Amino acid sequence: MKSRSLKALVAVVLMGGAMSMVGCNSGPSRITAGSIRANMTPELQTTAMTSEQHKTRVARSVDHTLRQIWDDLDYIFLVDQPSRLSPYPIP
């Protein structure tokens, strides 16, 4: 009976020592109430988007805008559709 309680005591001491070595974050990146108040949503870049989602939205917008330029140029130079000014059918 004594050896069982001695083993339990040793196990508790070892586990306590191990837990004290790997315990809470106590290094320079320690989380404090002030750091939370300074940036309450660190993963968000905009109101509702993460940095990667924002980059994707910008890339999609630039891609769409650059492709739209060609449609706009066709419209400006009147090549987006055939002319309807002639009363005769034009092949």
PDB file of N, CA and C in Angstrom:
ATOM      1  N   MET A   1       0.819  -1.185   0.000  1.00  0.00           N
ATOM      2  CA  MET A   1       0.000   0.000   0.000  1.00  0.00           C
ATOM      3  C   MET A   1       0.866   1.252   0.000  1.00  0.00           C
ATOM      4  N   LYS A   2       1.967   1.203   0.723  1.00  0.00           N
ATOM      5  CA  LYS A   2       2.851   2.355   0.781  1.00  0.00           C
ATOM      6  C   LYS A   2       3.493   2.630  -0.571  1.00  0.00           C
ATOM      7  N   SER A   3       3.840   1.591  -1.305  1.00  0.00           N
ATOM      8  CA  SER A   3       4.486   1.790  -2.605  1.00  0.00           C
ATOM      9  C   SER A   3       3.514   2.397  -3.608  1.00  0.00           C
ATOM     10  N   ARG A   4       2.243   2.047  -3.508  1.00  0.00           N
ATOM     11  CA  ARG A   4       1.246   2.602  -4.413  1.00  0.00           C
ATOM     12  C   ARG A   4       1.085   4.109  -4.173  1.00  0.00           C
ATOM     13  N   SER A   5       1.004   4.525  -2.930  1.00  0.00           N
ATOM     14  CA  SER A   5       0.863   5.951  -2.622  1.00  0.00           C
ATOM     15  C   SER A   5       2.143   6.705  -2.964  1.00  0.00           C
ATOM     16  N   LEU A   6       3.300   6.057  -2.796  1.00  0.00           N
ATOM     17  CA  LEU A   6       4.564   6.684  -3.169  1.00  0.00           C
ATOM     18  C   LEU A   6       4.631   6.887  -4.679  1.00  0.00           C
ATOM     19  N   LYS A   7       4.165   5.886  -5.448  1.00  0.00           N
ATOM     20  CA  LYS A   7       4.131   6.012  -6.912  1.00  0.00           C
ATOM     21  C   LYS A   7       3.181   7.121  -7.338  1.00  0.00           C
ATOM     22  N   ALA A   8       2.029   7.208  -6.669  1.00  0.00           N
ATOM     23  CA  ALA A   8       1.061   8.258  -6.996  1.00  0.00           C
ATOM     24  C   ALA A   8       1.647   9.632  -6.701  1.00  0.00           C
ATOM     25  N   LEU A   9       2.344   9.758  -5.567  1.00  0.00           N
ATOM     26  CA  LEU A   9       2.965  11.028  -5.201  1.00  0.00           C
ATOM     27  C   LEU A   9       4.030  11.426  -6.216  1.00  0.00           C
ATOM     28  N   VAL A  10       4.862  10.467  -6.617  1.00  0.00           N
ATOM     29  CA  VAL A  10       5.900  10.734  -7.619  1.00  0.00           C
ATOM     30  C   VAL A  10       5.265  11.146  -8.944  1.00  0.00           C
ATOM     31  N   ALA A  11       4.175  10.466  -9.323  1.00  0.00           N
ATOM     32  CA  ALA A  11       3.495  10.792 -10.566  1.00  0.00           C
ATOM     33  C   ALA A  11       2.928  12.209 -10.524  1.00  0.00           C
ATOM     34  N   VAL A  12       2.341  12.589  -9.399  1.00  0.00           N
ATOM     35  CA  VAL A  12       1.768  13.921  -9.252  1.00  0.00           C
ATOM     36  C   VAL A  12       2.864  14.988  -9.318  1.00  0.00           C
ATOM     37  N   VAL A  13       3.983  14.727  -8.646  1.00  0.00           N
ATOM     38  CA  VAL A  13       5.095  15.677  -8.651  1.00  0.00           C
ATOM     39  C   VAL A  13       5.662  15.824 -10.060  1.00  0.00           C
ATOM     40  N   LEU A  14       5.832  14.719 -10.771  1.00  0.00           N
ATOM     41  CA  LEU A  14       6.355  14.769 -12.129  1.00  0.00           C
ATOM     42  C   LEU A  14       5.397  15.499 -13.077  1.00  0.00           C
ATOM     43  N   MET A  15       4.109  15.220 -12.945  1.00  0.00           N
ATOM     44  CA  MET A  15       3.130  15.892 -13.800  1.00  0.00           C
ATOM     45  C   MET A  15       3.076  17.390 -13.490  1.00  0.00           C
ATOM     46  N   GLY A  16       3.160  17.731 -12.229  1.00  0.00           N
ATOM     47  CA  GLY A  16       3.167  19.141 -11.849  1.00  0.00           C
ATOM     48  C   GLY A  16       4.398  19.850 -12.389  1.00  0.00           C
ATOM     49  N   GLY A  17       5.546  19.193 -12.314  1.00  0.00           N
ATOM     50  CA  GLY A  17       6.774  19.778 -12.864  1.00  0.00           C
ATOM     51  C   GLY A  17       6.690  19.947 -14.374  1.00  0.00           C
ATOM     52  N   ALA A  18       6.141  18.945 -15.053  1.00  0.00           N
ATOM     53  CA  ALA A  18       6.006  19.025 -16.508  1.00  0.00           C
ATOM     54  C   ALA A  18       5.037  20.134 -16.899  1.00  0.00           C
ATOM     55  N   MET A  19       3.951  20.265 -16.156  1.00  0.00           N
ATOM     56  CA  MET A  19       2.969  21.300 -16.479  1.00  0.00           C
ATOM     57  C   MET A  19       3.523  22.694 -16.211  1.00  0.00           C
ATOM     58  N   SER A  20       4.378  22.829 -15.223  1.00  0.00           N
ATOM     59  CA  SER A  20       4.945  24.145 -14.943  1.00  0.00           C
ATOM     60  C   SER A  20       5.936  24.561 -16.035  1.00  0.00           C
ATOM     61  N   MET A  21       6.547  23.588 -16.715  1.00  0.00           N
ATOM     62  CA  MET A  21       7.484  23.898 -17.793  1.00  0.00           C
ATOM     63  C   MET A  21       6.774  24.327 -19.073  1.00  0.00           C
ATOM     64  N   VAL A  22       5.598  23.787 -19.322  1.00  0.00           N
ATOM     65  CA  VAL A  22       4.886  24.074 -20.562  1.00  0.00           C
ATOM     66  C   VAL A  22       3.588  24.811 -20.292  1.00  0.00           C
ATOM     67  N   GLY A  23       3.488  25.509 -19.242  1.00  0.00           N
ATOM     68  CA  GLY A  23       2.255  26.164 -18.824  1.00  0.00           C
ATOM     69  C   GLY A  23       1.804  27.248 -19.776  1.00  0.00           C
ATOM     70  N   CYS A  24       1.143  28.223 -19.275  1.00  0.00           N
ATOM     71  CA  CYS A  24       0.592  29.301 -20.090  1.00  0.00           C
ATOM     72  C   CYS A  24       1.700  30.089 -20.781  1.00  0.00           C
ATOM     73  N   ASN A  25       1.292  30.822 -21.770  1.00  0.00           N
ATOM     74  CA  ASN A  25       2.224  31.628 -22.553  1.00  0.00           C
ATOM     75  C   ASN A  25       2.773  32.753 -21.672  1.00  0.00           C
ATOM     76  N   SER A  26       4.038  32.698 -21.343  1.00  0.00           N
ATOM     77  CA  SER A  26       4.608  33.715 -20.468  1.00  0.00           C
ATOM     78  C   SER A  26       5.791  34.434 -21.122  1.00  0.00           C
ATOM     79  N   GLY A  27       5.965  34.242 -22.423  1.00  0.00           N
ATOM     80  CA  GLY A  27       7.071  34.866 -23.139  1.00  0.00           C
ATOM     81  C   GLY A  27       6.724  36.277 -23.558  1.00  0.00           C
ATOM     82  N   PRO A  28       7.483  36.825 -24.514  1.00  0.00           N
ATOM     83  CA  PRO A  28       7.248  38.190 -24.968  1.00  0.00           C
ATOM     84  C   PRO A  28       5.899  38.362 -25.673  1.00  0.00           C
ATOM     85  N   SER A  29       5.304  37.285 -26.178  1.00  0.00           N
ATOM     86  CA  SER A  29       4.013  37.394 -26.860  1.00  0.00           C
ATOM     87  C   SER A  29       2.865  37.093 -25.901  1.00  0.00           C
ATOM     88  N   ARG A  30       2.997  37.511 -24.694  1.00  0.00           N
ATOM     89  CA  ARG A  30       1.994  37.256 -23.669  1.00  0.00           C
ATOM     90  C   ARG A  30       0.715  38.030 -23.987  1.00  0.00           C
ATOM     91  N   ILE A  31      -0.412  37.381 -23.834  1.00  0.00           N
ATOM     92  CA  ILE A  31      -1.695  38.010 -24.102  1.00  0.00           C
ATOM     93  C   ILE A  31      -2.159  38.728 -22.843  1.00  0.00           C
ATOM     94  N   THR A  32      -2.429  40.005 -22.987  1.00  0.00           N
ATOM     95  CA  THR A  32      -2.897  40.801 -21.860  1.00  0.00           C
ATOM     96  C   THR A  32      -4.216  41.460 -22.236  1.00  0.00           C
ATOM     97  N   ALA A  33      -4.894  42.011 -21.252  1.00  0.00           N
ATOM     98  CA  ALA A  33      -6.156  42.704 -21.511  1.00  0.00           C
ATOM     99  C   ALA A  33      -5.925  43.895 -22.426  1.00  0.00           C
ATOM    100  N   GLY A  34      -4.816  44.590 -22.245  1.00  0.00           N
ATOM    101  CA  GLY A  34      -4.501  45.738 -23.098  1.00  0.00           C
ATOM    102  C   GLY A  34      -4.275  45.339 -24.547  1.00  0.00           C
ATOM    103  N   SER A  35      -3.603  44.215 -24.774  1.00  0.00           N
ATOM    104  CA  SER A  35      -3.366  43.781 -26.155  1.00  0.00           C
ATOM    105  C   SER A  35      -4.666  43.345 -26.824  1.00  0.00           C
ATOM    106  N   ILE A  36      -5.581  42.793 -26.050  1.00  0.00           N
ATOM    107  CA  ILE A  36      -6.883  42.408 -26.617  1.00  0.00           C
ATOM    108  C   ILE A  36      -7.689  43.655 -26.953  1.00  0.00           C
ATOM    109  N   ARG A  37      -7.674  44.647 -26.057  1.00  0.00           N
ATOM    110  CA  ARG A  37      -8.406  45.886 -26.329  1.00  0.00           C
ATOM    111  C   ARG A  37      -7.817  46.640 -27.518  1.00  0.00           C
ATOM    112  N   ALA A  38      -6.518  46.543 -27.732  1.00  0.00           N
ATOM    113  CA  ALA A  38      -5.863  47.246 -28.839  1.00  0.00           C
ATOM    114  C   ALA A  38      -6.284  46.691 -30.196  1.00  0.00           C
ATOM    115  N   ASN A  39      -6.518  45.388 -30.288  1.00  0.00           N
ATOM    116  CA  ASN A  39      -6.925  44.759 -31.544  1.00  0.00           C
ATOM    117  C   ASN A  39      -7.849  43.601 -31.201  1.00  0.00           C
ATOM    118  N   MET A  40      -9.141  43.873 -31.167  1.00  0.00           N
ATOM    119  CA  MET A  40     -10.102  42.867 -30.719  1.00  0.00           C
ATOM    120  C   MET A  40     -10.355  41.786 -31.757  1.00  0.00           C
ATOM    121  N   THR A  41     -10.086  42.064 -33.023  1.00  0.00           N
ATOM    122  CA  THR A  41     -10.248  41.063 -34.085  1.00  0.00           C
ATOM    123  C   THR A  41      -8.977  41.022 -34.924  1.00  0.00           C
ATOM    124  N   PRO A  42      -7.930  40.405 -34.437  1.00  0.00           N
ATOM    125  CA  PRO A  42      -6.653  40.426 -35.169  1.00  0.00           C
ATOM    126  C   PRO A  42      -6.695  39.679 -36.487  1.00  0.00           C
ATOM    127  N   GLU A  43      -7.633  38.750 -36.655  1.00  0.00           N
ATOM    128  CA  GLU A  43      -7.672  37.985 -37.897  1.00  0.00           C
ATOM    129  C   GLU A  43      -8.380  38.747 -39.018  1.00  0.00           C
ATOM    130  N   LEU A  44      -9.106  39.823 -38.705  1.00  0.00           N
ATOM    131  CA  LEU A  44      -9.844  40.567 -39.726  1.00  0.00           C
ATOM    132  C   LEU A  44      -9.068  41.795 -40.186  1.00  0.00           C
ATOM    133  N   GLN A  45      -9.103  42.022 -41.505  1.00  0.00           N
ATOM    134  CA  GLN A  45      -8.470  43.209 -42.058  1.00  0.00           C
ATOM    135  C   GLN A  45      -9.513  44.292 -42.310  1.00  0.00           C
ATOM    136  N   THR A  46     -10.679  43.883 -42.797  1.00  0.00           N
ATOM    137  CA  THR A  46     -11.772  44.829 -43.001  1.00  0.00           C
ATOM    138  C   THR A  46     -12.865  44.496 -41.995  1.00  0.00           C
ATOM    139  N   THR A  47     -14.042  45.054 -42.182  1.00  0.00           N
ATOM    140  CA  THR A  47     -15.125  44.813 -41.233  1.00  0.00           C
ATOM    141  C   THR A  47     -15.477  43.337 -41.131  1.00  0.00           C
ATOM    142  N   ALA A  48     -15.477  42.646 -42.261  1.00  0.00           N
ATOM    143  CA  ALA A  48     -15.918  41.252 -42.241  1.00  0.00           C
ATOM    144  C   ALA A  48     -15.019  40.302 -43.014  1.00  0.00           C
ATOM    145  N   MET A  49     -13.815  40.733 -43.412  1.00  0.00           N
ATOM    146  CA  MET A  49     -12.954  39.872 -44.229  1.00  0.00           C
ATOM    147  C   MET A  49     -11.566  39.735 -43.626  1.00  0.00           C
ATOM    148  N   THR A  50     -11.034  38.527 -43.787  1.00  0.00           N
ATOM    149  CA  THR A  50      -9.649  38.308 -43.388  1.00  0.00           C
ATOM    150  C   THR A  50      -8.742  38.895 -44.457  1.00  0.00           C
ATOM    151  N   SER A  51      -7.476  38.900 -44.192  1.00  0.00           N
ATOM    152  CA  SER A  51      -6.507  39.450 -45.140  1.00  0.00           C
ATOM    153  C   SER A  51      -6.557  38.698 -46.471  1.00  0.00           C
ATOM    154  N   GLU A  52      -6.632  37.387 -46.421  1.00  0.00           N
ATOM    155  CA  GLU A  52      -6.659  36.592 -47.659  1.00  0.00           C
ATOM    156  C   GLU A  52      -7.948  36.821 -48.436  1.00  0.00           C
ATOM    157  N   GLN A  53      -9.077  36.916 -47.741  1.00  0.00           N
ATOM    158  CA  GLN A  53     -10.336  37.187 -48.431  1.00  0.00           C
ATOM    159  C   GLN A  53     -10.298  38.558 -49.090  1.00  0.00           C
ATOM    160  N   HIS A  54      -9.705  39.536 -48.432  1.00  0.00           N
ATOM    161  CA  HIS A  54      -9.593  40.877 -49.003  1.00  0.00           C
ATOM    162  C   HIS A  54      -8.698  40.868 -50.239  1.00  0.00           C
ATOM    163  N   LYS A  55      -7.567  40.165 -50.163  1.00  0.00           N
ATOM    164  CA  LYS A  55      -6.676  40.073 -51.332  1.00  0.00           C
ATOM    165  C   LYS A  55      -7.384  39.408 -52.506  1.00  0.00           C
ATOM    166  N   THR A  56      -8.183  38.381 -52.226  1.00  0.00           N
ATOM    167  CA  THR A  56      -8.928  37.693 -53.276  1.00  0.00           C
ATOM    168  C   THR A  56      -9.957  38.620 -53.901  1.00  0.00           C
ATOM    169  N   ARG A  57     -10.654  39.400 -53.081  1.00  0.00           N
ATOM    170  CA  ARG A  57     -11.650  40.336 -53.605  1.00  0.00           C
ATOM    171  C   ARG A  57     -10.990  41.386 -54.486  1.00  0.00           C
ATOM    172  N   VAL A  58      -9.863  41.915 -54.071  1.00  0.00           N
ATOM    173  CA  VAL A  58      -9.155  42.923 -54.870  1.00  0.00           C
ATOM    174  C   VAL A  58      -8.678  42.315 -56.187  1.00  0.00           C
ATOM    175  N   ALA A  59      -8.122  41.108 -56.142  1.00  0.00           N
ATOM    176  CA  ALA A  59      -7.646  40.448 -57.364  1.00  0.00           C
ATOM    177  C   ALA A  59      -8.801  40.201 -58.331  1.00  0.00           C
ATOM    178  N   ARG A  60      -9.942  39.767 -57.807  1.00  0.00           N
ATOM    179  CA  ARG A  60     -11.113  39.524 -58.650  1.00  0.00           C
ATOM    180  C   ARG A  60     -11.596  40.832 -59.275  1.00  0.00           C
ATOM    181  N   SER A  61     -11.601  41.908 -58.507  1.00  0.00           N
ATOM    182  CA  SER A  61     -12.045  43.204 -59.009  1.00  0.00           C
ATOM    183  C   SER A  61     -11.120  43.726 -60.100  1.00  0.00           C
ATOM    184  N   VAL A  62      -9.813  43.622 -59.904  1.00  0.00           N
ATOM    185  CA  VAL A  62      -8.843  44.066 -60.916  1.00  0.00           C
ATOM    186  C   VAL A  62      -8.985  43.230 -62.181  1.00  0.00           C
ATOM    187  N   ASP A  63      -9.146  41.924 -62.043  1.00  0.00           N
ATOM    188  CA  ASP A  63      -9.305  41.052 -63.200  1.00  0.00           C
ATOM    189  C   ASP A  63     -10.558  41.437 -63.990  1.00  0.00           C
ATOM    190  N   HIS A  64     -11.657  41.648 -63.290  1.00  0.00           N
ATOM    191  CA  HIS A  64     -12.908  42.012 -63.950  1.00  0.00           C
ATOM    192  C   HIS A  64     -12.781  43.369 -64.650  1.00  0.00           C
ATOM    193  N   THR A  65     -12.163  44.321 -64.001  1.00  0.00           N
ATOM    194  CA  THR A  65     -12.001  45.656 -64.569  1.00  0.00           C
ATOM    195  C   THR A  65     -11.146  45.620 -65.831  1.00  0.00           C
ATOM    196  N   LEU A  66     -10.050  44.866 -65.801  1.00  0.00           N
ATOM    197  CA  LEU A  66      -9.178  44.785 -66.976  1.00  0.00           C
ATOM    198  C   LEU A  66      -9.869  44.086 -68.144  1.00  0.00           C
ATOM    199  N   ARG A  67     -10.710  43.102 -67.859  1.00  0.00           N
ATOM    200  CA  ARG A  67     -11.457  42.457 -68.941  1.00  0.00           C
ATOM    201  C   ARG A  67     -12.562  43.363 -69.460  1.00  0.00           C
ATOM    202  N   GLN A  68     -13.136  44.171 -68.598  1.00  0.00           N
ATOM    203  CA  GLN A  68     -14.213  45.084 -69.000  1.00  0.00           C
ATOM    204  C   GLN A  68     -13.705  46.185 -69.930  1.00  0.00           C
ATOM    205  N   ILE A  69     -12.429  46.530 -69.829  1.00  0.00           N
ATOM    206  CA  ILE A  69     -11.867  47.577 -70.691  1.00  0.00           C
ATOM    207  C   ILE A  69     -12.097  47.255 -72.159  1.00  0.00           C
ATOM    208  N   TRP A  70     -11.944  45.980 -72.544  1.00  0.00           N
ATOM    209  CA  TRP A  70     -12.111  45.608 -73.944  1.00  0.00           C
ATOM    210  C   TRP A  70     -13.551  45.815 -74.397  1.00  0.00           C
ATOM    211  N   ASP A  71     -14.512  45.497 -73.549  1.00  0.00           N
ATOM    212  CA  ASP A  71     -15.913  45.743 -73.897  1.00  0.00           C
ATOM    213  C   ASP A  71     -16.172  47.238 -74.036  1.00  0.00           C
ATOM    214  N   ASP A  72     -15.591  48.032 -73.149  1.00  0.00           N
ATOM    215  CA  ASP A  72     -15.771  49.481 -73.211  1.00  0.00           C
ATOM    216  C   ASP A  72     -15.157  50.055 -74.484  1.00  0.00           C
ATOM    217  N   LEU A  73     -13.972  49.574 -74.865  1.00  0.00           N
ATOM    218  CA  LEU A  73     -13.341  50.060 -76.095  1.00  0.00           C
ATOM    219  C   LEU A  73     -14.167  49.686 -77.324  1.00  0.00           C
ATOM    220  N   ASP A  74     -14.733  48.488 -77.347  1.00  0.00           N
ATOM    221  CA  ASP A  74     -15.623  48.102 -78.455  1.00  0.00           C
ATOM    222  C   ASP A  74     -16.817  49.050 -78.540  1.00  0.00           C
ATOM    223  N   TYR A  75     -17.366  49.410 -77.399  1.00  0.00           N
ATOM    224  CA  TYR A  75     -18.508  50.323 -77.366  1.00  0.00           C
ATOM    225  C   TYR A  75     -18.106  51.716 -77.850  1.00  0.00           C
ATOM    226  N   ILE A  76     -16.951  52.197 -77.424  1.00  0.00           N
ATOM    227  CA  ILE A  76     -16.491  53.533 -77.821  1.00  0.00           C
ATOM    228  C   ILE A  76     -16.237  53.611 -79.324  1.00  0.00           C
ATOM    229  N   PHE A  77     -15.612  52.563 -79.892  1.00  0.00           N
ATOM    230  CA  PHE A  77     -15.287  52.570 -81.318  1.00  0.00           C
ATOM    231  C   PHE A  77     -16.397  51.985 -82.185  1.00  0.00           C
ATOM    232  N   LEU A  78     -17.552  51.786 -81.608  1.00  0.00           N
ATOM    233  CA  LEU A  78     -18.758  51.328 -82.308  1.00  0.00           C
ATOM    234  C   LEU A  78     -18.561  49.991 -83.027  1.00  0.00           C
ATOM    235  N   VAL A  79     -17.849  49.103 -82.456  1.00  0.00           N
ATOM    236  CA  VAL A  79     -17.673  47.776 -83.049  1.00  0.00           C
ATOM    237  C   VAL A  79     -18.319  46.699 -82.184  1.00  0.00           C
ATOM    238  N   ASP A  80     -19.157  47.097 -81.284  1.00  0.00           N
ATOM    239  CA  ASP A  80     -19.797  46.111 -80.419  1.00  0.00           C
ATOM    240  C   ASP A  80     -21.040  45.489 -81.058  1.00  0.00           C
ATOM    241  N   GLN A  81     -21.588  46.156 -82.098  1.00  0.00           N
ATOM    242  CA  GLN A  81     -22.751  45.619 -82.804  1.00  0.00           C
ATOM    243  C   GLN A  81     -22.795  46.209 -84.209  1.00  0.00           C
ATOM    244  N   PRO A  82     -23.498  45.575 -85.111  1.00  0.00           N
ATOM    245  CA  PRO A  82     -23.587  46.105 -86.471  1.00  0.00           C
ATOM    246  C   PRO A  82     -24.349  47.430 -86.498  1.00  0.00           C
ATOM    247  N   SER A  83     -24.086  48.197 -87.505  1.00  0.00           N
ATOM    248  CA  SER A  83     -24.764  49.472 -87.678  1.00  0.00           C
ATOM    249  C   SER A  83     -26.218  49.241 -88.070  1.00  0.00           C
ATOM    250  N   ARG A  84     -27.110  50.086 -87.555  1.00  0.00           N
ATOM    251  CA  ARG A  84     -28.528  49.996 -87.907  1.00  0.00           C
ATOM    252  C   ARG A  84     -28.973  51.238 -88.684  1.00  0.00           C
ATOM    253  N   LEU A  85     -28.017  51.952 -89.261  1.00  0.00           N
ATOM    254  CA  LEU A  85     -28.351  53.183 -89.944  1.00  0.00           C
ATOM    255  C   LEU A  85     -28.809  52.955 -91.387  1.00  0.00           C
ATOM    256  N   SER A  86     -28.388  51.896 -92.002  1.00  0.00           N
ATOM    257  CA  SER A  86     -28.767  51.647 -93.388  1.00  0.00           C
ATOM    258  C   SER A  86     -30.121  50.950 -93.452  1.00  0.00           C
ATOM    259  N   PRO A  87     -30.976  51.367 -94.379  1.00  0.00           N
ATOM    260  CA  PRO A  87     -32.273  50.693 -94.515  1.00  0.00           C
ATOM    261  C   PRO A  87     -32.159  49.354 -95.248  1.00  0.00           C
ATOM    262  N   TYR A  88     -30.983  49.089 -95.835  1.00  0.00           N
ATOM    263  CA  TYR A  88     -30.782  47.854 -96.585  1.00  0.00           C
ATOM    264  C   TYR A  88     -30.057  46.833 -95.717  1.00  0.00           C
ATOM    265  N   PRO A  89     -30.345  45.575 -95.907  1.00  0.00           N
ATOM    266  CA  PRO A  89     -29.627  44.542 -95.153  1.00  0.00           C
ATOM    267  C   PRO A  89     -28.170  44.492 -95.566  1.00  0.00           C
ATOM    268  N   ILE A  90     -27.311  44.461 -94.636  1.00  0.00           N
ATOM    269  CA  ILE A  90     -25.877  44.394 -94.907  1.00  0.00           C
ATOM    270  C   ILE A  90     -25.390  43.030 -94.466  1.00  0.00           C
ATOM    271  N   PRO A  91     -24.796  42.281 -95.430  1.00  0.00           N
ATOM    272  CA  PRO A  91     -24.355  40.918 -95.062  1.00  0.00           C
ATOM    273  C   PRO A  91     -23.150  40.897 -94.159  1.00  0.00           C
TER     274      PRO A  91
END
